[in-house]
Amino acid sequence: MAASGSDVRSSPGLTEQPAREASGWGMAVAAVILGLTGIGLIVVGIVDPASQAIGLGVLLAAAGFWLARGLTPVSPGQARVVTLFGRYTGTIRADGLHWVNPLAVRRELSTRIRNHETATAKVNDADGNPVEIAAVVVWQVLDTAKASFGVDDLTAFVSTQAETAVRHVATSYPYDAHHEGQMSLRDNAQEITVELSIEIADRVRPAGVKIIESRLTRLSYAPEIAQAMLRRQQASAVVAARQRIVDGAVGMVESALARLCADGVIELDEERKAAMVSNLLVVLCSEHATQPVVNTGTLYQ
């Protein structure tokens, strides 16, 4: 069940693309060589002013520093989103040392799998009963461009949309099913979590986020009605138990009568059958031990 809302469904025009970059190790060696050469020439120029090596040394040192500014280390589980003069130029995902245009801005973004546990929310289920519900959402950045430029605060956006989806799902179903085939929050947890994952994924898609899994971590009636609902559940359980006891007792009585007639042990008229059925049902369905009564007469006296 996807929530409606065209503002959340609209996706940014930017999509992730590889950044133009070079090997960082080669550029690092070149920067070190230029820097050391420039420093050496500066020292020579200071010792021998007539050599006029200071100017060349400054240029080489500046070139080495310029190359060093373009060095971009990327750790595992991290990505670098590269922009140049306000324009997105690409993303570096491979870990290691890279080199990009020194004028580019490189924004670090985590691509690790993250958990978010929603706060316990009090909402009304489909029957209007207040329930407390919370969930944990496992998510990961799939498109770094959308994650960087599609939303203002990625973590806050995922948190808000997850809580909104949890509330929406909680209000769509009753806590307990009232008839066979009806879906409920308590009895259909597997189906509910699948639907929750689909809805959250639909909501956070504009931010380039992938939902790996979502699970309900808390589901209960609100404290103000918990006792009343507990009594109702207990009453339903008692009714179901008594129904099973009665069904079993009736089956045992039918079996006893059928066997007595089949074996010819005793012949019973309708009145005696009724008395026997009554006595057997009392014995089998009673919650207390029955007291035997010795009948010294007949059924008719």
Protein backbone atom coordinates (compact mmCIF):
# COMPACT_ATOMS: atom_id res chain seq x y z
CA MET A 1 0.00 0.00 0.00
CA ALA A 2 1.75 3.15 -1.17
CA ALA A 3 0.96 6.46 0.41
CA SER A 4 -0.27 9.22 -1.85
CA GLY A 5 1.48 12.52 -2.35
CA SER A 6 2.97 13.81 -5.58
CA ASP A 7 5.46 16.04 -3.75
CA VAL A 8 7.18 13.04 -2.19
CA ARG A 9 7.05 10.97 -5.38
CA SER A 10 8.75 13.52 -7.63
CA SER A 11 12.38 12.54 -8.18
CA PRO A 12 15.24 14.96 -8.76
CA GLY A 13 16.67 15.17 -12.26
CA LEU A 14 20.19 14.29 -11.08
CA THR A 15 21.33 10.69 -11.07
CA GLU A 16 24.64 9.25 -9.98
CA GLN A 17 27.46 9.08 -12.50
CA PRO A 18 31.20 8.28 -12.18
CA ALA A 19 33.45 11.25 -11.55
CA ARG A 20 36.37 12.06 -13.83
CA GLU A 21 39.45 11.28 -11.79
CA ALA A 22 43.01 10.02 -12.05
CA SER A 23 45.19 7.73 -9.98
CA GLY A 24 46.06 9.49 -6.76
CA TRP A 25 49.38 7.72 -6.22
CA GLY A 26 50.97 9.05 -9.41
CA MET A 27 49.81 12.57 -8.65
CA ALA A 28 51.03 12.23 -5.07
CA VAL A 29 54.52 11.28 -6.28
CA ALA A 30 54.48 14.17 -8.76
CA ALA A 31 53.39 16.60 -6.05
CA VAL A 32 56.15 15.44 -3.71
CA ILE A 33 58.79 15.74 -6.44
CA LEU A 34 57.63 19.21 -7.45
CA GLY A 35 57.42 20.34 -3.84
CA LEU A 36 60.89 19.07 -2.91
CA THR A 37 62.41 20.45 -6.09
CA GLY A 38 60.80 23.82 -5.49
CA ILE A 39 62.02 23.94 -1.90
CA GLY A 40 65.51 22.98 -3.04
CA LEU A 41 65.58 25.76 -5.63
CA ILE A 42 64.35 28.26 -3.07
CA VAL A 43 67.20 27.25 -0.74
CA VAL A 44 69.68 27.57 -3.60
CA GLY A 45 68.32 31.00 -4.45
CA ILE A 46 68.66 32.14 -0.85
CA VAL A 47 72.28 30.91 -0.67
CA ASP A 48 73.17 32.30 -4.11
CA PRO A 49 70.95 35.26 -4.98
CA ALA A 50 72.65 35.61 -8.33
CA SER A 51 71.26 32.27 -9.49
CA GLN A 52 67.71 33.67 -9.56
CA ALA A 53 66.38 30.21 -8.61
CA ILE A 54 63.89 31.51 -6.05
CA GLY A 55 61.24 32.38 -8.62
CA LEU A 56 61.37 28.97 -10.28
CA GLY A 57 61.40 27.28 -6.89
CA VAL A 58 58.27 29.14 -5.80
CA LEU A 59 56.50 28.14 -9.02
CA LEU A 60 57.43 24.48 -8.62
CA ALA A 61 56.45 24.41 -4.93
CA ALA A 62 53.14 26.07 -5.78
CA ALA A 63 52.54 23.51 -8.53
CA GLY A 64 53.26 20.68 -6.07
CA PHE A 65 50.86 22.16 -3.53
CA TRP A 66 48.24 22.59 -6.27
CA LEU A 67 48.50 18.92 -7.25
CA ALA A 68 48.34 17.86 -3.59
CA ARG A 69 45.03 19.73 -3.14
CA GLY A 70 43.44 17.43 -5.70
CA LEU A 71 44.30 14.25 -3.79
CA THR A 72 41.10 12.58 -2.54
CA PRO A 73 41.26 9.53 -0.24
CA VAL A 74 38.13 7.35 -0.16
CA SER A 75 37.58 4.85 2.65
CA PRO A 76 35.59 1.59 2.28
CA GLY A 77 31.90 2.25 2.80
CA GLN A 78 32.30 5.90 1.82
CA ALA A 79 31.81 7.86 -1.39
CA ARG A 80 32.87 11.32 -2.52
CA VAL A 81 30.34 13.48 -4.36
CA VAL A 82 32.25 15.91 -6.60
CA THR A 83 30.94 19.33 -7.64
CA LEU A 84 32.75 21.95 -9.69
CA PHE A 85 31.56 25.57 -9.63
CA GLY A 86 28.19 24.44 -8.26
CA ARG A 87 27.68 21.72 -10.88
CA TYR A 88 27.58 18.02 -10.05
CA THR A 89 30.33 16.23 -11.99
CA GLY A 90 30.23 12.72 -10.56
CA THR A 91 30.81 10.38 -7.63
CA ILE A 92 33.88 8.40 -6.57
CA ARG A 93 32.90 5.07 -4.98
CA ALA A 94 36.08 2.99 -5.29
CA ASP A 95 38.18 3.08 -2.15
CA GLY A 96 41.80 4.22 -2.33
CA LEU A 97 43.62 7.42 -3.27
CA HIS A 98 42.20 9.39 -6.20
CA TRP A 99 42.92 12.73 -7.81
CA VAL A 100 40.34 15.20 -9.10
CA ASN A 101 40.36 18.84 -10.15
CA PRO A 102 41.77 20.77 -7.17
CA LEU A 103 39.03 23.39 -7.59
CA ALA A 104 36.29 20.77 -7.13
CA VAL A 105 34.38 20.42 -3.89
CA ARG A 106 34.34 16.85 -2.60
CA ARG A 107 31.54 15.94 -0.21
CA GLU A 108 31.87 12.75 1.82
CA LEU A 109 28.81 10.49 1.97
CA SER A 110 28.41 7.16 3.74
CA THR A 111 27.23 4.21 1.66
CA ARG A 112 27.17 1.78 4.59
CA ILE A 113 24.03 -0.04 5.70
CA ARG A 114 22.30 1.90 8.46
CA ASN A 115 19.57 1.21 11.00
CA HIS A 116 16.85 3.56 12.07
CA GLU A 117 14.41 2.73 14.86
CA THR A 118 11.32 4.87 14.90
CA ALA A 119 10.06 6.36 18.11
CA THR A 120 7.09 4.61 19.70
CA ALA A 121 4.04 6.22 18.16
CA LYS A 122 0.51 6.19 19.58
CA VAL A 123 -2.03 5.95 16.78
CA ASN A 124 -5.57 4.68 16.29
CA ASP A 125 -5.94 1.42 14.38
CA ALA A 126 -8.66 0.82 11.79
CA ASP A 127 -11.18 0.19 14.60
CA GLY A 128 -10.30 3.44 16.36
CA ASN A 129 -8.46 1.74 19.24
CA PRO A 130 -5.25 3.48 20.36
CA VAL A 131 -2.17 1.32 19.85
CA GLU A 132 1.53 1.86 20.37
CA ILE A 133 3.75 0.88 17.46
CA ALA A 134 7.41 1.20 16.48
CA ALA A 135 9.63 -0.28 13.77
CA VAL A 136 13.26 -0.63 12.78
CA VAL A 137 14.25 0.22 9.20
CA VAL A 138 17.45 -1.00 7.52
CA TRP A 139 18.48 1.30 4.68
CA GLN A 140 21.39 2.21 2.43
CA VAL A 141 22.24 5.01 0.01
CA LEU A 142 21.78 3.74 -3.55
CA ASP A 143 22.13 6.97 -5.56
CA THR A 144 24.61 9.44 -4.06
CA ALA A 145 23.54 12.29 -6.34
CA LYS A 146 19.91 12.15 -5.22
CA ALA A 147 20.97 11.62 -1.61
CA SER A 148 23.15 14.75 -1.74
CA PHE A 149 20.98 17.10 -3.77
CA GLY A 150 17.46 15.62 -3.66
CA VAL A 151 16.82 16.34 0.04
CA ASP A 152 18.12 18.83 2.56
CA ASP A 153 18.94 16.40 5.42
CA LEU A 154 19.12 12.75 4.35
CA THR A 155 18.96 11.14 7.81
CA ALA A 156 16.11 13.37 8.98
CA PHE A 157 14.22 12.72 5.72
CA VAL A 158 14.47 8.92 6.08
CA SER A 159 13.47 9.16 9.74
CA THR A 160 10.39 11.29 9.02
CA GLN A 161 9.22 9.18 6.09
CA ALA A 162 9.69 5.93 8.04
CA GLU A 163 7.61 7.21 10.95
CA THR A 164 4.94 8.49 8.57
CA ALA A 165 4.74 5.09 6.85
CA VAL A 166 4.50 3.27 10.20
CA ARG A 167 1.62 5.50 11.26
CA HIS A 168 -0.15 5.04 7.94
CA VAL A 169 0.11 1.25 8.04
CA ALA A 170 -1.03 1.16 11.68
CA THR A 171 -4.21 3.11 10.85
CA SER A 172 -5.01 0.86 7.87
CA TYR A 173 -5.59 -2.37 9.83
CA PRO A 174 -7.22 -3.39 13.11
CA TYR A 175 -5.06 -4.68 15.93
CA ASP A 176 -7.08 -7.93 16.12
CA ALA A 177 -9.04 -9.65 13.35
CA HIS A 178 -12.78 -9.87 14.01
CA HIS A 179 -13.65 -12.41 11.32
CA GLU A 180 -11.86 -15.09 9.34
CA GLY A 181 -9.71 -13.83 6.48
CA GLN A 182 -9.34 -10.30 7.83
CA MET A 183 -5.78 -8.98 8.07
CA SER A 184 -4.68 -7.55 11.41
CA LEU A 185 -1.56 -6.03 12.87
CA ARG A 186 -1.12 -8.81 15.43
CA ASP A 187 -1.93 -11.87 13.32
CA ASN A 188 -0.35 -10.84 9.99
CA ALA A 189 2.97 -9.39 11.06
CA GLN A 190 4.83 -10.86 8.07
CA GLU A 191 2.47 -9.36 5.49
CA ILE A 192 2.37 -6.05 7.34
CA THR A 193 6.16 -5.71 7.42
CA VAL A 194 6.40 -6.46 3.70
CA GLU A 195 3.83 -3.77 3.00
CA LEU A 196 5.64 -1.40 5.35
CA SER A 197 8.94 -1.94 3.50
CA ILE A 198 7.26 -1.24 0.15
CA GLU A 199 5.68 1.98 1.40
CA ILE A 200 8.87 3.30 3.02
CA ALA A 201 10.86 2.46 -0.12
CA ASP A 202 8.35 4.40 -2.21
CA ARG A 203 8.56 7.39 0.10
CA VAL A 204 12.38 7.60 0.26
CA ARG A 205 13.03 6.82 -3.42
CA PRO A 206 13.49 10.54 -4.32
CA ALA A 207 16.45 10.60 -1.90
CA GLY A 208 18.22 7.73 -3.66
CA VAL A 209 17.76 5.41 -0.67
CA LYS A 210 17.17 1.65 -0.80
CA ILE A 211 15.16 -0.04 1.96
CA ILE A 212 16.70 -3.41 2.76
CA GLU A 213 14.28 -4.51 5.47
CA SER A 214 11.81 -3.20 8.01
CA ARG A 215 10.41 -4.93 11.09
CA LEU A 216 7.92 -4.02 13.78
CA THR A 217 9.69 -3.84 17.14
CA ARG A 218 6.72 -2.83 19.30
CA LEU A 219 3.01 -3.44 18.92
CA SER A 220 0.56 -3.20 21.80
CA TYR A 221 -2.60 -1.53 22.92
CA ALA A 222 -2.17 1.84 24.58
CA PRO A 223 -2.06 1.63 28.41
CA GLU A 224 -5.46 3.29 28.85
CA ILE A 225 -7.30 0.44 27.10
CA ALA A 226 -4.83 -2.41 27.62
CA GLN A 227 -6.72 -3.92 30.58
CA ALA A 228 -10.08 -3.77 28.82
CA MET A 229 -8.64 -5.38 25.69
CA LEU A 230 -6.92 -8.04 27.80
CA ARG A 231 -10.24 -8.95 29.39
CA ARG A 232 -11.82 -9.15 25.94
CA GLN A 233 -9.06 -11.43 24.70
CA GLN A 234 -9.39 -13.60 27.80
CA ALA A 235 -13.15 -13.83 27.29
CA SER A 236 -12.64 -14.84 23.66
CA ALA A 237 -10.13 -17.47 24.74
CA VAL A 238 -12.56 -18.85 27.34
CA VAL A 239 -15.38 -19.01 24.79
CA ALA A 240 -13.13 -20.81 22.30
CA ALA A 241 -11.98 -23.27 24.96
CA ARG A 242 -15.54 -24.02 26.11
CA GLN A 243 -16.60 -24.52 22.50
CA ARG A 244 -13.84 -27.07 22.02
CA ILE A 245 -14.78 -28.85 25.25
CA VAL A 246 -18.43 -29.06 24.21
CA ASP A 247 -17.54 -30.34 20.73
CA GLY A 248 -15.35 -33.02 22.29
CA ALA A 249 -18.02 -34.01 24.84
CA VAL A 250 -20.71 -34.33 22.18
CA GLY A 251 -18.42 -36.54 20.12
CA MET A 252 -17.69 -38.76 23.11
CA VAL A 253 -21.41 -39.10 23.94
CA GLU A 254 -22.23 -40.01 20.34
CA SER A 255 -19.47 -42.62 20.35
CA ALA A 256 -20.66 -44.10 23.66
CA LEU A 257 -24.28 -44.39 22.52
CA ALA A 258 -23.28 -45.88 19.17
CA ARG A 259 -21.07 -48.50 20.85
CA LEU A 260 -23.71 -49.47 23.42
CA CYS A 261 -26.26 -49.99 20.67
CA ALA A 262 -23.78 -51.86 18.44
CA ASP A 263 -22.67 -54.23 21.21
CA GLY A 264 -26.24 -54.79 22.46
CA VAL A 265 -25.20 -54.07 26.03
CA ILE A 266 -28.43 -52.30 26.89
CA GLU A 267 -31.56 -51.14 25.15
CA LEU A 268 -32.40 -47.50 25.77
CA ASP A 269 -35.59 -45.74 24.92
CA GLU A 270 -35.60 -42.06 24.07
CA GLU A 271 -36.11 -40.91 27.64
CA ARG A 272 -33.24 -43.02 28.94
CA LYS A 273 -31.02 -41.83 26.12
CA ALA A 274 -31.82 -38.24 27.06
CA ALA A 275 -30.96 -38.90 30.70
CA MET A 276 -27.71 -40.59 29.76
CA VAL A 277 -26.72 -37.75 27.39
CA SER A 278 -27.49 -35.22 30.11
CA ASN A 279 -25.40 -37.03 32.71
CA LEU A 280 -22.46 -37.56 30.37
CA LEU A 281 -22.43 -33.92 29.25
CA VAL A 282 -22.50 -32.77 32.85
CA VAL A 283 -19.57 -35.01 33.72
CA LEU A 284 -17.52 -34.10 30.62
CA CYS A 285 -18.21 -30.34 30.50
CA SER A 286 -18.20 -29.51 34.19
CA GLU A 287 -15.23 -27.54 35.52
CA HIS A 288 -15.55 -29.22 38.94
CA ALA A 289 -15.47 -32.82 39.99
CA THR A 290 -18.93 -34.37 39.84
CA GLN A 291 -20.51 -36.11 42.84
CA PRO A 292 -21.84 -39.59 42.07
CA VAL A 293 -25.47 -40.25 43.00
CA VAL A 294 -26.62 -43.86 43.51
CA ASN A 295 -30.13 -44.34 42.10
CA THR A 296 -31.82 -47.20 43.95
CA GLY A 297 -34.99 -46.91 41.96
CA THR A 298 -35.61 -46.51 38.24
CA LEU A 299 -35.53 -43.64 35.86
CA TYR A 300 -39.30 -43.38 36.21
CA GLN A 301 -39.54 -43.26 40.01
